[in-house]
Amino acid sequence: MASKLNRRDRVRKRHYRLRRTLSGTTEQPRLAIFRSSKHIYAQLIDDHSGKTLASASTVDKELRSKLKSGANIDAAKEVGTLIATRAQSAGVQNIVFDRGGNPYHGRVAALADAAREGGLQF
């Protein structure tokens, strides 16, 4: 029998299940990913103080002019490199990766790989 939950509810359920064990600290913030149908967003979050240390997305002015679409792997790679540079300027090198309930595949994996190449360790 098929699930009665729609895609957004299934992702949200997986994300809540992940967040039971994942938490960002000041030394090791959480890199939270949100993937919509048109864009991808990334935030570095310190859960203890409840503050966002850095963020990047395909709707940023820096990336909007470079990208043809915000919903492909190339856009996710650009966001990954941008969040890595912003994290290093904020003094962050070690992070905890939060895939946001999405499978580690496609755009999410491309963003993570680009962030690793940019110098983030996770």
C-alpha atoms as a PDB file:
ATOM      1  CA  MET A   1       0.000   0.000   0.000  1.00  0.00           C
ATOM      2  CA  ALA A   2       1.335   3.420  -0.918  1.00  0.00           C
ATOM      3  CA  SER A   3       2.104   6.025   1.702  1.00  0.00           C
ATOM      4  CA  LYS A   4      -0.615   8.575   2.396  1.00  0.00           C
ATOM      5  CA  LEU A   5       1.997  11.265   3.053  1.00  0.00           C
ATOM      6  CA  ASN A   6       3.009  13.546   0.218  1.00  0.00           C
ATOM      7  CA  ARG A   7       6.659  14.154  -0.690  1.00  0.00           C
ATOM      8  CA  ARG A   8       7.082  17.214   1.548  1.00  0.00           C
ATOM      9  CA  ASP A   9       5.688  15.382   4.577  1.00  0.00           C
ATOM     10  CA  ARG A  10       7.940  12.364   3.971  1.00  0.00           C
ATOM     11  CA  VAL A  11      11.002  14.642   3.748  1.00  0.00           C
ATOM     12  CA  ARG A  12       9.925  16.486   6.891  1.00  0.00           C
ATOM     13  CA  LYS A  13       9.476  13.200   8.759  1.00  0.00           C
ATOM     14  CA  ARG A  14      12.968  12.017   7.768  1.00  0.00           C
ATOM     15  CA  HIS A  15      14.413  15.406   8.745  1.00  0.00           C
ATOM     16  CA  TYR A  16      12.880  15.251  12.238  1.00  0.00           C
ATOM     17  CA  ARG A  17      14.289  11.742  12.617  1.00  0.00           C
ATOM     18  CA  LEU A  18      17.753  13.002  11.613  1.00  0.00           C
ATOM     19  CA  ARG A  19      17.593  16.014  13.910  1.00  0.00           C
ATOM     20  CA  ARG A  20      17.188  13.800  16.975  1.00  0.00           C
ATOM     21  CA  THR A  21      20.883  12.960  16.686  1.00  0.00           C
ATOM     22  CA  LEU A  22      22.331  15.980  14.795  1.00  0.00           C
ATOM     23  CA  SER A  23      23.110  19.229  16.555  1.00  0.00           C
ATOM     24  CA  GLY A  24      25.435  22.077  15.714  1.00  0.00           C
ATOM     25  CA  THR A  25      27.775  23.673  18.233  1.00  0.00           C
ATOM     26  CA  THR A  26      29.867  26.813  18.152  1.00  0.00           C
ATOM     27  CA  GLU A  27      32.995  24.825  17.242  1.00  0.00           C
ATOM     28  CA  GLN A  28      31.176  22.524  14.812  1.00  0.00           C
ATOM     29  CA  PRO A  29      28.020  24.159  13.372  1.00  0.00           C
ATOM     30  CA  ARG A  30      25.387  22.337  11.377  1.00  0.00           C
ATOM     31  CA  LEU A  31      25.323  22.787   7.595  1.00  0.00           C
ATOM     32  CA  ALA A  32      21.576  22.617   6.932  1.00  0.00           C
ATOM     33  CA  ILE A  33      20.406  22.073   3.351  1.00  0.00           C
ATOM     34  CA  PHE A  34      16.957  22.935   2.010  1.00  0.00           C
ATOM     35  CA  ARG A  35      16.116  21.874  -1.514  1.00  0.00           C
ATOM     36  CA  SER A  36      13.068  23.221  -3.309  1.00  0.00           C
ATOM     37  CA  SER A  37      12.018  22.551  -6.869  1.00  0.00           C
ATOM     38  CA  LYS A  38      13.579  25.805  -8.140  1.00  0.00           C
ATOM     39  CA  HIS A  39      16.412  26.624  -5.693  1.00  0.00           C
ATOM     40  CA  ILE A  40      18.800  25.189  -3.106  1.00  0.00           C
ATOM     41  CA  TYR A  41      19.711  26.850   0.197  1.00  0.00           C
ATOM     42  CA  ALA A  42      22.511  26.196   2.708  1.00  0.00           C
ATOM     43  CA  GLN A  43      22.961  27.606   6.233  1.00  0.00           C
ATOM     44  CA  LEU A  44      25.590  27.167   8.927  1.00  0.00           C
ATOM     45  CA  ILE A  45      23.677  27.068  12.207  1.00  0.00           C
ATOM     46  CA  ASP A  46      24.869  27.118  15.812  1.00  0.00           C
ATOM     47  CA  ASP A  47      22.009  25.305  17.563  1.00  0.00           C
ATOM     48  CA  HIS A  48      23.222  26.136  21.078  1.00  0.00           C
ATOM     49  CA  SER A  49      22.891  29.888  20.574  1.00  0.00           C
ATOM     50  CA  GLY A  50      20.238  29.621  17.855  1.00  0.00           C
ATOM     51  CA  LYS A  51      22.160  31.765  15.371  1.00  0.00           C
ATOM     52  CA  THR A  52      22.955  31.437  11.692  1.00  0.00           C
ATOM     53  CA  LEU A  53      26.679  31.958  11.109  1.00  0.00           C
ATOM     54  CA  ALA A  54      26.657  31.981   7.287  1.00  0.00           C
ATOM     55  CA  SER A  55      24.255  31.269   4.477  1.00  0.00           C
ATOM     56  CA  ALA A  56      24.253  30.854   0.702  1.00  0.00           C
ATOM     57  CA  SER A  57      21.620  30.044  -1.870  1.00  0.00           C
ATOM     58  CA  THR A  58      20.826  30.246  -5.546  1.00  0.00           C
ATOM     59  CA  VAL A  59      18.796  33.404  -4.921  1.00  0.00           C
ATOM     60  CA  ASP A  60      21.888  35.355  -3.749  1.00  0.00           C
ATOM     61  CA  LYS A  61      22.776  38.306  -5.950  1.00  0.00           C
ATOM     62  CA  GLU A  62      26.285  36.924  -6.487  1.00  0.00           C
ATOM     63  CA  LEU A  63      25.000  33.674  -7.995  1.00  0.00           C
ATOM     64  CA  ARG A  64      21.779  34.745  -9.642  1.00  0.00           C
ATOM     65  CA  SER A  65      23.510  36.391 -12.591  1.00  0.00           C
ATOM     66  CA  LYS A  66      25.953  33.475 -13.093  1.00  0.00           C
ATOM     67  CA  LEU A  67      23.400  30.656 -13.071  1.00  0.00           C
ATOM     68  CA  LYS A  68      20.986  29.735 -15.802  1.00  0.00           C
ATOM     69  CA  SER A  69      18.848  27.710 -13.370  1.00  0.00           C
ATOM     70  CA  GLY A  70      18.869  27.337  -9.605  1.00  0.00           C
ATOM     71  CA  ALA A  71      17.604  23.773  -9.734  1.00  0.00           C
ATOM     72  CA  ASN A  72      20.504  21.813 -11.201  1.00  0.00           C
ATOM     73  CA  ILE A  73      23.759  20.238 -10.055  1.00  0.00           C
ATOM     74  CA  ASP A  74      25.891  23.121 -11.349  1.00  0.00           C
ATOM     75  CA  ALA A  75      23.940  25.555  -9.172  1.00  0.00           C
ATOM     76  CA  ALA A  76      24.364  23.282  -6.144  1.00  0.00           C
ATOM     77  CA  LYS A  77      28.132  23.189  -6.719  1.00  0.00           C
ATOM     78  CA  GLU A  78      28.253  26.991  -6.818  1.00  0.00           C
ATOM     79  CA  VAL A  79      26.300  27.216  -3.559  1.00  0.00           C
ATOM     80  CA  GLY A  80      28.668  24.668  -1.988  1.00  0.00           C
ATOM     81  CA  THR A  81      31.761  26.669  -2.872  1.00  0.00           C
ATOM     82  CA  LEU A  82      30.114  29.921  -1.738  1.00  0.00           C
ATOM     83  CA  ILE A  83      29.099  28.492   1.648  1.00  0.00           C
ATOM     84  CA  ALA A  84      32.633  27.118   2.098  1.00  0.00           C
ATOM     85  CA  THR A  85      34.218  30.535   1.513  1.00  0.00           C
ATOM     86  CA  ARG A  86      31.697  32.255   3.792  1.00  0.00           C
ATOM     87  CA  ALA A  87      32.272  29.627   6.487  1.00  0.00           C
ATOM     88  CA  GLN A  88      36.019  30.103   6.383  1.00  0.00           C
ATOM     89  CA  SER A  89      35.613  33.872   6.627  1.00  0.00           C
ATOM     90  CA  ALA A  90      33.464  33.237   9.726  1.00  0.00           C
ATOM     91  CA  GLY A  91      36.256  31.061  11.160  1.00  0.00           C
ATOM     92  CA  VAL A  92      34.545  27.689  10.710  1.00  0.00           C
ATOM     93  CA  GLN A  93      36.282  24.635   9.285  1.00  0.00           C
ATOM     94  CA  ASN A  94      34.620  21.574  10.881  1.00  0.00           C
ATOM     95  CA  ILE A  95      30.892  21.110  10.406  1.00  0.00           C
ATOM     96  CA  VAL A  96      28.074  18.596  10.854  1.00  0.00           C
ATOM     97  CA  PHE A  97      26.198  17.898   7.603  1.00  0.00           C
ATOM     98  CA  ASP A  98      22.392  17.971   7.747  1.00  0.00           C
ATOM     99  CA  ARG A  99      20.918  16.809   4.445  1.00  0.00           C
ATOM    100  CA  GLY A 100      17.479  18.040   5.467  1.00  0.00           C
ATOM    101  CA  GLY A 101      15.686  14.732   5.026  1.00  0.00           C
ATOM    102  CA  ASN A 102      16.650  14.540   1.349  1.00  0.00           C
ATOM    103  CA  PRO A 103      18.554  11.566  -0.035  1.00  0.00           C
ATOM    104  CA  TYR A 104      22.318  12.073  -0.314  1.00  0.00           C
ATOM    105  CA  HIS A 105      22.181  12.109  -4.097  1.00  0.00           C
ATOM    106  CA  GLY A 106      22.161  14.587  -6.946  1.00  0.00           C
ATOM    107  CA  ARG A 107      22.043  18.240  -5.892  1.00  0.00           C
ATOM    108  CA  VAL A 108      22.567  17.514  -2.178  1.00  0.00           C
ATOM    109  CA  ALA A 109      25.659  15.391  -2.844  1.00  0.00           C
ATOM    110  CA  ALA A 110      27.020  17.963  -5.321  1.00  0.00           C
ATOM    111  CA  LEU A 111      26.688  20.737  -2.744  1.00  0.00           C
ATOM    112  CA  ALA A 112      28.418  18.595  -0.101  1.00  0.00           C
ATOM    113  CA  ASP A 113      31.283  17.662  -2.434  1.00  0.00           C
ATOM    114  CA  ALA A 114      31.817  21.298  -3.446  1.00  0.00           C
ATOM    115  CA  ALA A 115      31.842  22.360   0.224  1.00  0.00           C
ATOM    116  CA  ARG A 116      34.480  19.697   0.935  1.00  0.00           C
ATOM    117  CA  GLU A 117      36.585  20.908  -1.977  1.00  0.00           C
ATOM    118  CA  GLY A 118      36.216  24.452  -0.612  1.00  0.00           C
ATOM    119  CA  GLY A 119      37.877  23.418   2.654  1.00  0.00           C
ATOM    120  CA  LEU A 120      35.068  22.329   4.979  1.00  0.00           C
ATOM    121  CA  GLN A 121      35.619  19.090   6.866  1.00  0.00           C
ATOM    122  CA  PHE A 122      32.794  16.658   7.634  1.00  0.00           C
END
